[in-house]
N, C-alpha and C. Protein backbone atom coordinates (compact mmCIF):
# COMPACT_ATOMS: atom_id res chain seq x y z
N MET A 1 181.85 173.87 -56.41
CA MET A 1 181.75 174.66 -57.64
C MET A 1 181.93 173.79 -58.89
N SER A 2 182.77 172.74 -58.76
CA SER A 2 183.06 171.91 -59.92
C SER A 2 181.83 171.12 -60.40
N HIS A 3 180.94 170.77 -59.46
CA HIS A 3 179.75 170.00 -59.84
C HIS A 3 178.75 170.87 -60.62
N ARG A 4 178.85 172.16 -60.49
CA ARG A 4 177.92 173.06 -61.19
C ARG A 4 178.25 173.16 -62.69
N THR A 5 179.52 173.13 -63.01
CA THR A 5 179.94 173.29 -64.40
C THR A 5 179.53 172.10 -65.27
N HIS A 6 179.28 170.94 -64.62
CA HIS A 6 178.91 169.75 -65.38
C HIS A 6 177.48 169.82 -65.89
N ARG A 7 176.57 170.27 -65.04
CA ARG A 7 175.15 170.30 -65.43
C ARG A 7 174.76 171.68 -65.93
N ARG A 8 174.10 171.68 -67.08
CA ARG A 8 173.59 172.94 -67.64
C ARG A 8 172.18 172.72 -68.15
N PRO A 9 171.24 173.55 -67.74
CA PRO A 9 169.88 173.42 -68.25
C PRO A 9 169.78 173.98 -69.67
N PRO A 10 169.57 173.10 -70.68
CA PRO A 10 169.56 173.57 -72.07
C PRO A 10 168.32 174.39 -72.43
N LYS A 11 167.19 174.09 -71.80
CA LYS A 11 165.95 174.81 -72.12
C LYS A 11 166.06 176.29 -71.75
N ARG A 12 166.54 176.56 -70.56
CA ARG A 12 166.69 177.95 -70.12
C ARG A 12 167.66 178.71 -71.01
N ARG A 13 168.74 178.05 -71.33
CA ARG A 13 169.78 178.69 -72.13
C ARG A 13 169.27 179.04 -73.52
N ARG A 14 168.50 178.12 -74.09
CA ARG A 14 167.94 178.35 -75.43
C ARG A 14 166.96 179.51 -75.41
N ALA A 15 166.13 179.55 -74.39
CA ALA A 15 165.14 180.62 -74.27
C ALA A 15 165.84 181.96 -74.13
N ARG A 16 166.87 181.98 -73.32
CA ARG A 16 167.61 183.22 -73.11
C ARG A 16 168.30 183.65 -74.40
N HIS A 17 168.87 182.68 -75.10
CA HIS A 17 169.56 182.98 -76.36
C HIS A 17 168.57 183.54 -77.39
N ARG A 18 167.39 182.94 -77.41
CA ARG A 18 166.35 183.40 -78.34
C ARG A 18 165.93 184.82 -77.99
N LEU A 19 165.83 185.09 -76.70
CA LEU A 19 165.46 186.43 -76.23
C LEU A 19 166.52 187.44 -76.63
N VAL A 20 167.77 187.08 -76.41
CA VAL A 20 168.89 187.96 -76.77
C VAL A 20 168.93 188.18 -78.28
N GLU A 21 168.67 187.12 -79.04
CA GLU A 21 168.65 187.22 -80.49
C GLU A 21 167.52 188.15 -80.94
N GLY A 22 166.37 188.01 -80.31
CA GLY A 22 165.23 188.87 -80.62
C GLY A 22 165.52 190.32 -80.30
N LEU A 23 166.14 190.54 -79.14
CA LEU A 23 166.50 191.91 -78.74
C LEU A 23 167.52 192.50 -79.71
N GLY A 24 168.47 191.69 -80.11
CA GLY A 24 169.48 192.14 -81.07
C GLY A 24 168.85 192.51 -82.39
N GLN A 25 167.90 191.71 -82.84
CA GLN A 25 167.19 191.99 -84.09
C GLN A 25 166.39 193.27 -83.96
N ALA A 26 165.72 193.44 -82.82
CA ALA A 26 164.93 194.65 -82.59
C ALA A 26 165.81 195.89 -82.56
N ALA A 27 166.98 195.76 -81.93
CA ALA A 27 167.92 196.88 -81.86
C ALA A 27 168.45 197.23 -83.24
N LEU A 28 168.74 196.20 -84.03
CA LEU A 28 169.23 196.41 -85.39
C LEU A 28 168.15 197.09 -86.24
N TYR A 29 166.91 196.64 -86.08
CA TYR A 29 165.79 197.21 -86.82
C TYR A 29 165.59 198.68 -86.43
N ALA A 30 165.67 198.94 -85.12
CA ALA A 30 165.52 200.31 -84.63
C ALA A 30 166.62 201.21 -85.16
N ALA A 31 167.85 200.69 -85.16
CA ALA A 31 169.00 201.46 -85.65
C ALA A 31 168.85 201.76 -87.13
N SER A 32 168.44 200.77 -87.91
CA SER A 32 168.27 200.97 -89.35
C SER A 32 167.12 201.93 -89.63
N ALA A 33 166.05 201.83 -88.83
CA ALA A 33 164.92 202.73 -88.99
C ALA A 33 165.33 204.17 -88.69
N THR A 34 166.14 204.34 -87.65
CA THR A 34 166.64 205.67 -87.27
C THR A 34 167.53 206.23 -88.37
N LEU A 35 168.38 205.36 -88.91
CA LEU A 35 169.29 205.77 -89.97
C LEU A 35 168.51 206.18 -91.22
N VAL A 36 167.53 205.36 -91.60
CA VAL A 36 166.71 205.66 -92.77
C VAL A 36 165.91 206.94 -92.53
N GLY A 37 165.38 207.09 -91.32
CA GLY A 37 164.63 208.29 -90.97
C GLY A 37 165.48 209.53 -91.10
N GLY A 38 166.71 209.44 -90.62
CA GLY A 38 167.64 210.56 -90.71
C GLY A 38 167.98 210.91 -92.15
N LEU A 39 168.18 209.89 -92.97
CA LEU A 39 168.49 210.10 -94.39
C LEU A 39 167.31 210.73 -95.12
N VAL A 40 166.11 210.25 -94.82
CA VAL A 40 164.90 210.80 -95.43
C VAL A 40 164.73 212.26 -95.03
N HIS A 41 164.97 212.54 -93.76
CA HIS A 41 164.87 213.91 -93.26
C HIS A 41 165.84 214.83 -93.99
N LYS A 42 167.07 214.36 -94.17
CA LYS A 42 168.08 215.15 -94.88
C LYS A 42 167.68 215.38 -96.34
N LEU A 43 167.18 214.32 -96.96
CA LEU A 43 166.74 214.42 -98.35
C LEU A 43 165.59 215.41 -98.49
N LEU A 44 164.64 215.34 -97.56
CA LEU A 44 163.51 216.26 -97.59
C LEU A 44 163.97 217.70 -97.41
N ARG A 45 164.94 217.90 -96.53
CA ARG A 45 165.49 219.25 -96.32
C ARG A 45 166.17 219.76 -97.58
N LEU A 46 166.94 218.88 -98.23
CA LEU A 46 167.62 219.27 -99.47
C LEU A 46 166.62 219.60 -100.56
N VAL A 47 165.56 218.80 -100.67
CA VAL A 47 164.52 219.04 -101.66
C VAL A 47 163.81 220.36 -101.36
N HIS A 48 163.52 220.60 -100.12
CA HIS A 48 162.85 221.84 -99.71
C HIS A 48 163.71 223.05 -100.04
N ILE A 49 165.03 222.96 -99.79
CA ILE A 49 165.96 224.05 -100.07
C ILE A 49 166.02 224.30 -101.58
N SER A 50 166.12 223.20 -102.35
CA SER A 50 166.23 223.35 -103.81
C SER A 50 164.94 223.89 -104.41
N VAL A 51 163.78 223.51 -103.84
CA VAL A 51 162.49 223.99 -104.34
C VAL A 51 162.30 225.46 -103.99
N SER A 52 162.65 225.83 -102.76
CA SER A 52 162.46 227.22 -102.33
C SER A 52 163.42 228.17 -103.03
N SER A 53 164.56 227.69 -103.48
CA SER A 53 165.55 228.55 -104.14
C SER A 53 165.16 228.83 -105.59
N CYS A 54 164.33 227.98 -106.19
CA CYS A 54 163.94 228.16 -107.59
C CYS A 54 162.98 229.33 -107.79
């Protein structure tokens, strides 16, 4: 087991890290898009309520 800890393939690790970074960015983008979508939906509802009440 000790001989395994010495050698590490840097290419694989970098690719995996890049993949994880990309996934994290995609998740962040999706979360922000969902949040913005929810806010827009609420704003539209408020506008609709205020317009219909006039």
